[in-house]
Amino acid sequence: MALKIFYIGLKDGFKEFGESVNKVVNAFLLSVTYLFGVGAVSLIARLQKRKLLDLKTSKSKETYYQGLMLSKKSKKEYYRQF
Protein backbone atom coordinates (compact mmCIF):
# COMPACT_ATOMS: atom_id res chain seq x y z
CA MET A 1 0.00 0.00 0.00
CA ALA A 2 2.74 2.45 0.96
CA LEU A 3 4.67 1.56 -2.19
CA LYS A 4 1.63 2.33 -4.35
CA ILE A 5 1.19 5.75 -2.73
CA PHE A 6 4.91 6.43 -3.21
CA TYR A 7 4.68 5.44 -6.90
CA ILE A 8 1.64 7.71 -7.50
CA GLY A 9 3.40 10.64 -5.81
CA LEU A 10 6.57 10.01 -7.81
CA LYS A 11 4.60 9.84 -11.06
CA ASP A 12 2.75 13.09 -10.32
CA GLY A 13 6.01 14.81 -9.33
CA PHE A 14 7.72 13.82 -12.58
CA LYS A 15 4.68 14.98 -14.55
CA GLU A 16 4.71 18.43 -12.89
CA PHE A 17 8.46 18.70 -13.37
CA GLY A 18 8.14 17.81 -17.06
CA GLU A 19 5.40 20.39 -17.60
CA SER A 20 7.51 23.07 -15.90
CA VAL A 21 10.57 22.27 -18.01
CA ASN A 22 8.36 22.21 -21.10
CA LYS A 23 7.13 25.77 -20.45
CA VAL A 24 10.66 27.11 -19.95
CA VAL A 25 12.11 25.36 -23.00
CA ASN A 26 9.23 26.40 -25.26
CA ALA A 27 9.45 30.02 -24.17
CA PHE A 28 13.20 30.04 -24.79
CA LEU A 29 12.96 28.37 -28.20
CA LEU A 30 10.15 30.61 -29.39
CA SER A 31 12.05 33.71 -28.24
CA VAL A 32 15.22 32.63 -30.04
CA THR A 33 13.26 31.78 -33.18
CA TYR A 34 11.54 35.16 -33.16
CA LEU A 35 14.70 37.15 -32.53
CA PHE A 36 16.87 35.38 -35.10
CA GLY A 37 14.15 34.55 -37.62
CA VAL A 38 11.82 37.52 -37.75
CA GLY A 39 14.29 40.02 -36.33
CA ALA A 40 17.05 39.13 -38.78
CA VAL A 41 14.72 39.35 -41.78
CA SER A 42 13.44 42.71 -40.58
CA LEU A 43 16.95 44.04 -40.05
CA ILE A 44 18.14 42.88 -43.48
CA ALA A 45 15.07 44.41 -45.13
CA ARG A 46 15.70 47.74 -43.39
CA LEU A 47 19.36 47.76 -44.40
CA GLN A 48 18.38 47.11 -48.02
CA LYS A 49 15.57 49.70 -47.74
CA ARG A 50 12.93 47.24 -48.88
CA LYS A 51 9.27 47.79 -48.17
CA LEU A 52 7.69 44.45 -47.32
CA LEU A 53 4.27 46.03 -46.80
CA ASP A 54 2.93 48.80 -48.98
CA LEU A 55 1.40 50.98 -46.27
CA LYS A 56 1.75 54.43 -47.79
CA THR A 57 -1.40 56.00 -49.18
CA SER A 58 -2.12 59.31 -50.74
CA LYS A 59 -4.07 61.95 -48.84
CA SER A 60 -7.11 61.43 -51.06
CA LYS A 61 -7.48 57.75 -50.14
CA GLU A 62 -9.01 56.65 -46.86
CA THR A 63 -7.90 53.02 -46.98
CA TYR A 64 -4.97 50.74 -47.80
CA TYR A 65 -7.17 48.53 -49.96
CA GLN A 66 -5.95 47.85 -53.47
CA GLY A 67 -8.25 46.31 -56.00
CA LEU A 68 -7.54 42.88 -57.39
CA MET A 69 -5.80 43.04 -60.70
CA LEU A 70 -7.31 39.97 -62.32
CA SER A 71 -6.33 40.70 -65.88
CA LYS A 72 -4.63 37.99 -67.89
CA LYS A 73 -0.86 38.11 -67.87
CA SER A 74 1.71 36.35 -69.93
CA LYS A 75 3.23 33.06 -68.73
CA LYS A 76 6.57 34.78 -68.05
CA GLU A 77 4.96 37.07 -65.48
CA TYR A 78 3.39 34.10 -63.66
CA TYR A 79 6.52 31.94 -63.77
CA ARG A 80 8.51 33.53 -60.89
CA GLN A 81 5.79 35.29 -58.94
CA PHE A 82 6.82 33.83 -55.59
PDB file of N, CA and C in Angstrom:
ATOM      1  N   MET A   1       0.822  -1.194   0.000  1.00  0.00           N
ATOM      2  CA  MET A   1       0.000   0.000   0.000  1.00  0.00           C
ATOM      3  C   MET A   1       0.864   1.255   0.000  1.00  0.00           C
ATOM      4  N   ALA A   2       1.879   1.276   0.873  1.00  0.00           N
ATOM      5  CA  ALA A   2       2.743   2.449   0.961  1.00  0.00           C
ATOM      6  C   ALA A   2       3.549   2.620  -0.324  1.00  0.00           C
ATOM      7  N   LEU A   3       3.917   1.505  -0.942  1.00  0.00           N
ATOM      8  CA  LEU A   3       4.673   1.561  -2.190  1.00  0.00           C
ATOM      9  C   LEU A   3       3.825   2.138  -3.325  1.00  0.00           C
ATOM     10  N   LYS A   4       2.536   1.808  -3.325  1.00  0.00           N
ATOM     11  CA  LYS A   4       1.625   2.330  -4.350  1.00  0.00           C
ATOM     12  C   LYS A   4       1.457   3.842  -4.196  1.00  0.00           C
ATOM     13  N   ILE A   5       1.316   4.311  -2.992  1.00  0.00           N
ATOM     14  CA  ILE A   5       1.194   5.750  -2.732  1.00  0.00           C
ATOM     15  C   ILE A   5       2.488   6.461  -3.139  1.00  0.00           C
ATOM     16  N   PHE A   6       3.626   5.860  -2.820  1.00  0.00           N
ATOM     17  CA  PHE A   6       4.914   6.434  -3.214  1.00  0.00           C
ATOM     18  C   PHE A   6       5.017   6.530  -4.735  1.00  0.00           C
ATOM     19  N   TYR A   7       4.608   5.472  -5.430  1.00  0.00           N
ATOM     20  CA  TYR A   7       4.676   5.443  -6.897  1.00  0.00           C
ATOM     21  C   TYR A   7       3.775   6.523  -7.506  1.00  0.00           C
ATOM     22  N   ILE A   8       2.565   6.684  -6.978  1.00  0.00           N
ATOM     23  CA  ILE A   8       1.642   7.707  -7.497  1.00  0.00           C
ATOM     24  C   ILE A   8       2.215   9.108  -7.270  1.00  0.00           C
ATOM     25  N   GLY A   9       2.779   9.346  -6.104  1.00  0.00           N
ATOM     26  CA  GLY A   9       3.403  10.644  -5.814  1.00  0.00           C
ATOM     27  C   GLY A   9       4.597  10.911  -6.707  1.00  0.00           C
ATOM     28  N   LEU A  10       5.404   9.877  -6.941  1.00  0.00           N
ATOM     29  CA  LEU A  10       6.570  10.009  -7.807  1.00  0.00           C
ATOM     30  C   LEU A  10       6.141  10.330  -9.239  1.00  0.00           C
ATOM     31  N   LYS A  11       5.120   9.632  -9.694  1.00  0.00           N
ATOM     32  CA  LYS A  11       4.604   9.843 -11.056  1.00  0.00           C
ATOM     33  C   LYS A  11       4.067  11.263 -11.219  1.00  0.00           C
ATOM     34  N   ASP A  12       3.290  11.732 -10.253  1.00  0.00           N
ATOM     35  CA  ASP A  12       2.754  13.092 -10.315  1.00  0.00           C
ATOM     36  C   ASP A  12       3.863  14.143 -10.249  1.00  0.00           C
ATOM     37  N   GLY A  13       4.880  13.883  -9.438  1.00  0.00           N
ATOM     38  CA  GLY A  13       6.008  14.810  -9.329  1.00  0.00           C
ATOM     39  C   GLY A  13       6.765  14.927 -10.641  1.00  0.00           C
ATOM     40  N   PHE A  14       7.030  13.789 -11.289  1.00  0.00           N
ATOM     41  CA  PHE A  14       7.715  13.817 -12.583  1.00  0.00           C
ATOM     42  C   PHE A  14       6.877  14.524 -13.636  1.00  0.00           C
ATOM     43  N   LYS A  15       5.565  14.326 -13.582  1.00  0.00           N
ATOM     44  CA  LYS A  15       4.677  14.979 -14.553  1.00  0.00           C
ATOM     45  C   LYS A  15       4.724  16.493 -14.374  1.00  0.00           C
ATOM     46  N   GLU A  16       4.636  16.980 -13.146  1.00  0.00           N
ATOM     47  CA  GLU A  16       4.705  18.428 -12.888  1.00  0.00           C
ATOM     48  C   GLU A  16       6.069  18.994 -13.284  1.00  0.00           C
ATOM     49  N   PHE A  17       7.124  18.258 -12.990  1.00  0.00           N
ATOM     50  CA  PHE A  17       8.462  18.700 -13.372  1.00  0.00           C
ATOM     51  C   PHE A  17       8.588  18.793 -14.890  1.00  0.00           C
ATOM     52  N   GLY A  18       8.089  17.800 -15.607  1.00  0.00           N
ATOM     53  CA  GLY A  18       8.138  17.805 -17.062  1.00  0.00           C
ATOM     54  C   GLY A  18       7.358  18.963 -17.660  1.00  0.00           C
ATOM     55  N   GLU A  19       6.196  19.266 -17.105  1.00  0.00           N
ATOM     56  CA  GLU A  19       5.405  20.390 -17.599  1.00  0.00           C
ATOM     57  C   GLU A  19       6.118  21.717 -17.348  1.00  0.00           C
ATOM     58  N   SER A  20       6.775  21.838 -16.205  1.00  0.00           N
ATOM     59  CA  SER A  20       7.508  23.075 -15.896  1.00  0.00           C
ATOM     60  C   SER A  20       8.685  23.264 -16.851  1.00  0.00           C
ATOM     61  N   VAL A  21       9.440  22.198 -17.078  1.00  0.00           N
ATOM     62  CA  VAL A  21      10.570  22.268 -18.007  1.00  0.00           C
ATOM     63  C   VAL A  21      10.073  22.563 -19.411  1.00  0.00           C
ATOM     64  N   ASN A  22       8.951  21.986 -19.795  1.00  0.00           N
ATOM     65  CA  ASN A  22       8.357  22.206 -21.101  1.00  0.00           C
ATOM     66  C   ASN A  22       8.038  23.686 -21.319  1.00  0.00           C
ATOM     67  N   LYS A  23       7.470  24.344 -20.332  1.00  0.00           N
ATOM     68  CA  LYS A  23       7.127  25.772 -20.451  1.00  0.00           C
ATOM     69  C   LYS A  23       8.381  26.618 -20.628  1.00  0.00           C
ATOM     70  N   VAL A  24       9.422  26.327 -19.867  1.00  0.00           N
ATOM     71  CA  VAL A  24      10.660  27.106 -19.949  1.00  0.00           C
ATOM     72  C   VAL A  24      11.339  26.904 -21.302  1.00  0.00           C
ATOM     73  N   VAL A  25      11.443  25.668 -21.736  1.00  0.00           N
ATOM     74  CA  VAL A  25      12.112  25.360 -22.999  1.00  0.00           C
ATOM     75  C   VAL A  25      11.341  25.959 -24.168  1.00  0.00           C
ATOM     76  N   ASN A  26      10.021  25.832 -24.181  1.00  0.00           N
ATOM     77  CA  ASN A  26       9.227  26.398 -25.264  1.00  0.00           C
ATOM     78  C   ASN A  26       9.346  27.912 -25.326  1.00  0.00           C
ATOM     79  N   ALA A  27       9.309  28.568 -24.190  1.00  0.00           N
ATOM     80  CA  ALA A  27       9.452  30.024 -24.170  1.00  0.00           C
ATOM     81  C   ALA A  27      10.822  30.431 -24.711  1.00  0.00           C
ATOM     82  N   PHE A  28      11.852  29.727 -24.318  1.00  0.00           N
ATOM     83  CA  PHE A  28      13.200  30.035 -24.788  1.00  0.00           C
ATOM     84  C   PHE A  28      13.325  29.810 -26.295  1.00  0.00           C
ATOM     85  N   LEU A  29      12.847  28.671 -26.773  1.00  0.00           N
ATOM     86  CA  LEU A  29      12.964  28.365 -28.200  1.00  0.00           C
ATOM     87  C   LEU A  29      12.151  29.320 -29.063  1.00  0.00           C
ATOM     88  N   LEU A  30      10.956  29.668 -28.623  1.00  0.00           N
ATOM     89  CA  LEU A  30      10.149  30.612 -29.389  1.00  0.00           C
ATOM     90  C   LEU A  30      10.776  32.002 -29.397  1.00  0.00           C
ATOM     91  N   SER A  31      11.376  32.404 -28.294  1.00  0.00           N
ATOM     92  CA  SER A  31      12.046  33.711 -28.244  1.00  0.00           C
ATOM     93  C   SER A  31      13.244  33.747 -29.182  1.00  0.00           C
ATOM     94  N   VAL A  32      14.046  32.702 -29.160  1.00  0.00           N
ATOM     95  CA  VAL A  32      15.217  32.627 -30.037  1.00  0.00           C
ATOM     96  C   VAL A  32      14.790  32.620 -31.498  1.00  0.00           C
ATOM     97  N   THR A  33      13.756  31.845 -31.811  1.00  0.00           N
ATOM     98  CA  THR A  33      13.258  31.780 -33.184  1.00  0.00           C
ATOM     99  C   THR A  33      12.765  33.142 -33.638  1.00  0.00           C
ATOM    100  N   TYR A  34      12.052  33.844 -32.788  1.00  0.00           N
ATOM    101  CA  TYR A  34      11.542  35.162 -33.156  1.00  0.00           C
ATOM    102  C   TYR A  34      12.685  36.152 -33.365  1.00  0.00           C
ATOM    103  N   LEU A  35      13.614  36.179 -32.435  1.00  0.00           N
ATOM    104  CA  LEU A  35      14.705  37.149 -32.528  1.00  0.00           C
ATOM    105  C   LEU A  35      15.585  36.904 -33.745  1.00  0.00           C
ATOM    106  N   PHE A  36      15.962  35.663 -33.983  1.00  0.00           N
ATOM    107  CA  PHE A  36      16.869  35.383 -35.095  1.00  0.00           C
ATOM    108  C   PHE A  36      16.139  35.194 -36.419  1.00  0.00           C
ATOM    109  N   GLY A  37      14.907  34.744 -36.395  1.00  0.00           N
ATOM    110  CA  GLY A  37      14.151  34.550 -37.625  1.00  0.00           C
ATOM    111  C   GLY A  37      13.520  35.839 -38.095  1.00  0.00           C
ATOM    112  N   VAL A  38      12.557  36.324 -37.357  1.00  0.00           N
ATOM    113  CA  VAL A  38      11.819  37.523 -37.745  1.00  0.00           C
ATOM    114  C   VAL A  38      12.696  38.765 -37.608  1.00  0.00           C
ATOM    115  N   GLY A  39      13.443  38.851 -36.544  1.00  0.00           N
ATOM    116  CA  GLY A  39      14.295  40.020 -36.330  1.00  0.00           C
ATOM    117  C   GLY A  39      15.371  40.169 -37.388  1.00  0.00           C
ATOM    118  N   ALA A  40      15.995  39.068 -37.766  1.00  0.00           N
ATOM    119  CA  ALA A  40      17.054  39.127 -38.784  1.00  0.00           C
ATOM    120  C   ALA A  40      16.490  39.527 -40.142  1.00  0.00           C
ATOM    121  N   VAL A  41      15.342  38.985 -40.505  1.00  0.00           N
ATOM    122  CA  VAL A  41      14.724  39.348 -41.781  1.00  0.00           C
ATOM    123  C   VAL A  41      14.350  40.825 -41.782  1.00  0.00           C
ATOM    124  N   SER A  42      13.811  41.305 -40.690  1.00  0.00           N
ATOM    125  CA  SER A  42      13.435  42.710 -40.583  1.00  0.00           C
ATOM    126  C   SER A  42      14.662  43.621 -40.688  1.00  0.00           C
ATOM    127  N   LEU A  43      15.728  43.241 -40.015  1.00  0.00           N
ATOM    128  CA  LEU A  43      16.951  44.040 -40.051  1.00  0.00           C
ATOM    129  C   LEU A  43      17.553  44.070 -41.452  1.00  0.00           C
ATOM    130  N   ILE A  44      17.604  42.941 -42.118  1.00  0.00           N
ATOM    131  CA  ILE A  44      18.144  42.880 -43.481  1.00  0.00           C
ATOM    132  C   ILE A  44      17.285  43.709 -44.429  1.00  0.00           C
ATOM    133  N   ALA A  45      15.964  43.630 -44.267  1.00  0.00           N
ATOM    134  CA  ALA A  45      15.068  44.409 -45.127  1.00  0.00           C
ATOM    135  C   ALA A  45      15.265  45.900 -44.901  1.00  0.00           C
ATOM    136  N   ARG A  46      15.468  46.309 -43.669  1.00  0.00           N
ATOM    137  CA  ARG A  46      15.698  47.741 -43.395  1.00  0.00           C
ATOM    138  C   ARG A  46      17.036  48.213 -43.971  1.00  0.00           C
ATOM    139  N   LEU A  47      18.059  47.374 -43.857  1.00  0.00           N
ATOM    140  CA  LEU A  47      19.359  47.761 -44.399  1.00  0.00           C
ATOM    141  C   LEU A  47      19.322  47.881 -45.922  1.00  0.00           C
ATOM    142  N   GLN A  48      18.514  47.049 -46.571  1.00  0.00           N
ATOM    143  CA  GLN A  48      18.385  47.111 -48.023  1.00  0.00           C
ATOM    144  C   GLN A  48      17.287  48.073 -48.467  1.00  0.00           C
ATOM    145  N   LYS A  49      16.641  48.721 -47.495  1.00  0.00           N
ATOM    146  CA  LYS A  49      15.572  49.698 -47.739  1.00  0.00           C
ATOM    147  C   LYS A  49      14.439  49.096 -48.568  1.00  0.00           C
ATOM    148  N   ARG A  50      14.045  47.897 -48.210  1.00  0.00           N
ATOM    149  CA  ARG A  50      12.927  47.244 -48.885  1.00  0.00           C
ATOM    150  C   ARG A  50      11.653  47.496 -48.095  1.00  0.00           C
ATOM    151  N   LYS A  51      10.577  47.623 -48.788  1.00  0.00           N
ATOM    152  CA  LYS A  51       9.267  47.789 -48.173  1.00  0.00           C
ATOM    153  C   LYS A  51       8.504  46.477 -48.333  1.00  0.00           C
ATOM    154  N   LEU A  52       8.379  45.726 -47.247  1.00  0.00           N
ATOM    155  CA  LEU A  52       7.691  44.446 -47.318  1.00  0.00           C
ATOM    156  C   LEU A  52       6.177  44.629 -47.342  1.00  0.00           C
ATOM    157  N   LEU A  53       5.694  45.708 -46.772  1.00  0.00           N
ATOM    158  CA  LEU A  53       4.274  46.033 -46.795  1.00  0.00           C
ATOM    159  C   LEU A  53       4.106  47.409 -47.418  1.00  0.00           C
ATOM    160  N   ASP A  54       3.192  47.521 -48.340  1.00  0.00           N
ATOM    161  CA  ASP A  54       2.928  48.802 -48.981  1.00  0.00           C
ATOM    162  C   ASP A  54       1.876  49.534 -48.160  1.00  0.00           C
ATOM    163  N   LEU A  55       2.323  50.326 -47.188  1.00  0.00           N
ATOM    164  CA  LEU A  55       1.400  50.981 -46.271  1.00  0.00           C
ATOM    165  C   LEU A  55       1.232  52.470 -46.527  1.00  0.00           C
ATOM    166  N   LYS A  56       1.897  53.010 -47.512  1.00  0.00           N
ATOM    167  CA  LYS A  56       1.752  54.434 -47.791  1.00  0.00           C
ATOM    168  C   LYS A  56       0.552  54.658 -48.701  1.00  0.00           C
ATOM    169  N   THR A  57      -0.253  55.636 -48.347  1.00  0.00           N
ATOM    170  CA  THR A  57      -1.398  56.000 -49.177  1.00  0.00           C
ATOM    171  C   THR A  57      -1.340  57.494 -49.454  1.00  0.00           C
ATOM    172  N   SER A  58      -2.053  57.886 -50.464  1.00  0.00           N
ATOM    173  CA  SER A  58      -2.125  59.313 -50.742  1.00  0.00           C
ATOM    174  C   SER A  58      -3.155  59.940 -49.808  1.00  0.00           C
ATOM    175  N   LYS A  59      -3.149  61.251 -49.730  1.00  0.00           N
ATOM    176  CA  LYS A  59      -4.070  61.949 -48.837  1.00  0.00           C
ATOM    177  C   LYS A  59      -5.519  61.780 -49.281  1.00  0.00           C
ATOM    178  N   SER A  60      -5.744  61.545 -50.561  1.00  0.00           N
ATOM    179  CA  SER A  60      -7.112  61.431 -51.058  1.00  0.00           C
ATOM    180  C   SER A  60      -7.746  60.080 -50.725  1.00  0.00           C
ATOM    181  N   LYS A  61      -6.940  59.072 -50.460  1.00  0.00           N
ATOM    182  CA  LYS A  61      -7.479  57.750 -50.142  1.00  0.00           C
ATOM    183  C   LYS A  61      -7.687  57.612 -48.639  1.00  0.00           C
ATOM    184  N   GLU A  62      -8.712  56.874 -48.282  1.00  0.00           N
ATOM    185  CA  GLU A  62      -9.007  56.654 -46.864  1.00  0.00           C
ATOM    186  C   GLU A  62      -8.636  55.251 -46.403  1.00  0.00           C
ATOM    187  N   THR A  63      -8.155  54.406 -47.311  1.00  0.00           N
ATOM    188  CA  THR A  63      -7.898  53.016 -46.978  1.00  0.00           C
ATOM    189  C   THR A  63      -6.633  52.511 -47.668  1.00  0.00           C
ATOM    190  N   TYR A  64      -6.122  51.393 -47.183  1.00  0.00           N
ATOM    191  CA  TYR A  64      -4.971  50.744 -47.799  1.00  0.00           C
ATOM    192  C   TYR A  64      -5.381  49.756 -48.880  1.00  0.00           C
ATOM    193  N   TYR A  65      -6.669  49.550 -49.039  1.00  0.00           N
ATOM    194  CA  TYR A  65      -7.174  48.530 -49.962  1.00  0.00           C
ATOM    195  C   TYR A  65      -6.720  48.812 -51.387  1.00  0.00           C
ATOM    196  N   GLN A  66      -6.279  47.762 -52.056  1.00  0.00           N
ATOM    197  CA  GLN A  66      -5.947  47.848 -53.470  1.00  0.00           C
ATOM    198  C   GLN A  66      -6.798  46.814 -54.188  1.00  0.00           C
ATOM    199  N   GLY A  67      -7.392  47.227 -55.263  1.00  0.00           N
ATOM    200  CA  GLY A  67      -8.252  46.311 -55.997  1.00  0.00           C
ATOM    201  C   GLY A  67      -7.469  45.151 -56.571  1.00  0.00           C
ATOM    202  N   LEU A  68      -8.177  44.045 -56.788  1.00  0.00           N
ATOM    203  CA  LEU A  68      -7.541  42.884 -57.386  1.00  0.00           C
ATOM    204  C   LEU A  68      -7.313  43.141 -58.863  1.00  0.00           C
ATOM    205  N   MET A  69      -6.120  42.864 -59.299  1.00  0.00           N
ATOM    206  CA  MET A  69      -5.796  43.036 -60.704  1.00  0.00           C
ATOM    207  C   MET A  69      -5.880  41.657 -61.353  1.00  0.00           C
ATOM    208  N   LEU A  70      -7.062  41.311 -61.814  1.00  0.00           N
ATOM    209  CA  LEU A  70      -7.306  39.967 -62.317  1.00  0.00           C
ATOM    210  C   LEU A  70      -7.199  39.863 -63.830  1.00  0.00           C
ATOM    211  N   SER A  71      -6.476  40.768 -64.433  1.00  0.00           N
ATOM    212  CA  SER A  71      -6.326  40.701 -65.882  1.00  0.00           C
ATOM    213  C   SER A  71      -5.385  39.554 -66.240  1.00  0.00           C
ATOM    214  N   LYS A  72      -5.492  39.074 -67.421  1.00  0.00           N
ATOM    215  CA  LYS A  72      -4.630  37.988 -67.890  1.00  0.00           C
ATOM    216  C   LYS A  72      -3.217  38.522 -68.118  1.00  0.00           C
ATOM    217  N   LYS A  73      -2.269  37.746 -67.686  1.00  0.00           N
ATOM    218  CA  LYS A  73      -0.865  38.109 -67.866  1.00  0.00           C
ATOM    219  C   LYS A  73      -0.192  37.032 -68.693  1.00  0.00           C
ATOM    220  N   SER A  74       0.983  37.345 -69.159  1.00  0.00           N
ATOM    221  CA  SER A  74       1.714  36.349 -69.931  1.00  0.00           C
ATOM    222  C   SER A  74       2.290  35.282 -68.998  1.00  0.00           C
ATOM    223  N   LYS A  75       2.676  34.141 -69.547  1.00  0.00           N
ATOM    224  CA  LYS A  75       3.228  33.059 -68.730  1.00  0.00           C
ATOM    225  C   LYS A  75       4.518  33.482 -68.039  1.00  0.00           C
ATOM    226  N   LYS A  76       5.310  34.335 -68.659  1.00  0.00           N
ATOM    227  CA  LYS A  76       6.571  34.782 -68.054  1.00  0.00           C
ATOM    228  C   LYS A  76       6.320  35.533 -66.755  1.00  0.00           C
ATOM    229  N   GLU A  77       5.262  36.318 -66.696  1.00  0.00           N
ATOM    230  CA  GLU A  77       4.957  37.071 -65.478  1.00  0.00           C
ATOM    231  C   GLU A  77       4.502  36.157 -64.346  1.00  0.00           C
ATOM    232  N   TYR A  78       3.846  35.043 -64.664  1.00  0.00           N
ATOM    233  CA  TYR A  78       3.394  34.102 -63.655  1.00  0.00           C
ATOM    234  C   TYR A  78       4.504  33.149 -63.221  1.00  0.00           C
ATOM    235  N   TYR A  79       5.529  32.967 -64.006  1.00  0.00           N
ATOM    236  CA  TYR A  79       6.520  31.939 -63.769  1.00  0.00           C
ATOM    237  C   TYR A  79       7.236  32.108 -62.426  1.00  0.00           C
ATOM    238  N   ARG A  80       7.733  33.289 -62.128  1.00  0.00           N
ATOM    239  CA  ARG A  80       8.512  33.534 -60.895  1.00  0.00           C
ATOM    240  C   ARG A  80       7.802  34.508 -59.964  1.00  0.00           C
ATOM    241  N   GLN A  81       6.529  34.336 -59.751  1.00  0.00           N
ATOM    242  CA  GLN A  81       5.787  35.295 -58.942  1.00  0.00           C
ATOM    243  C   GLN A  81       6.030  35.136 -57.444  1.00  0.00           C
ATOM    244  N   PHE A  82       6.541  34.004 -57.012  1.00  0.00           N
ATOM    245  CA  PHE A  82       6.816  33.826 -55.593  1.00  0.00           C
ATOM    246  C   PHE A  82       8.280  33.723 -55.418  1.00  0.00           C
TER     247      PHE A  82
END
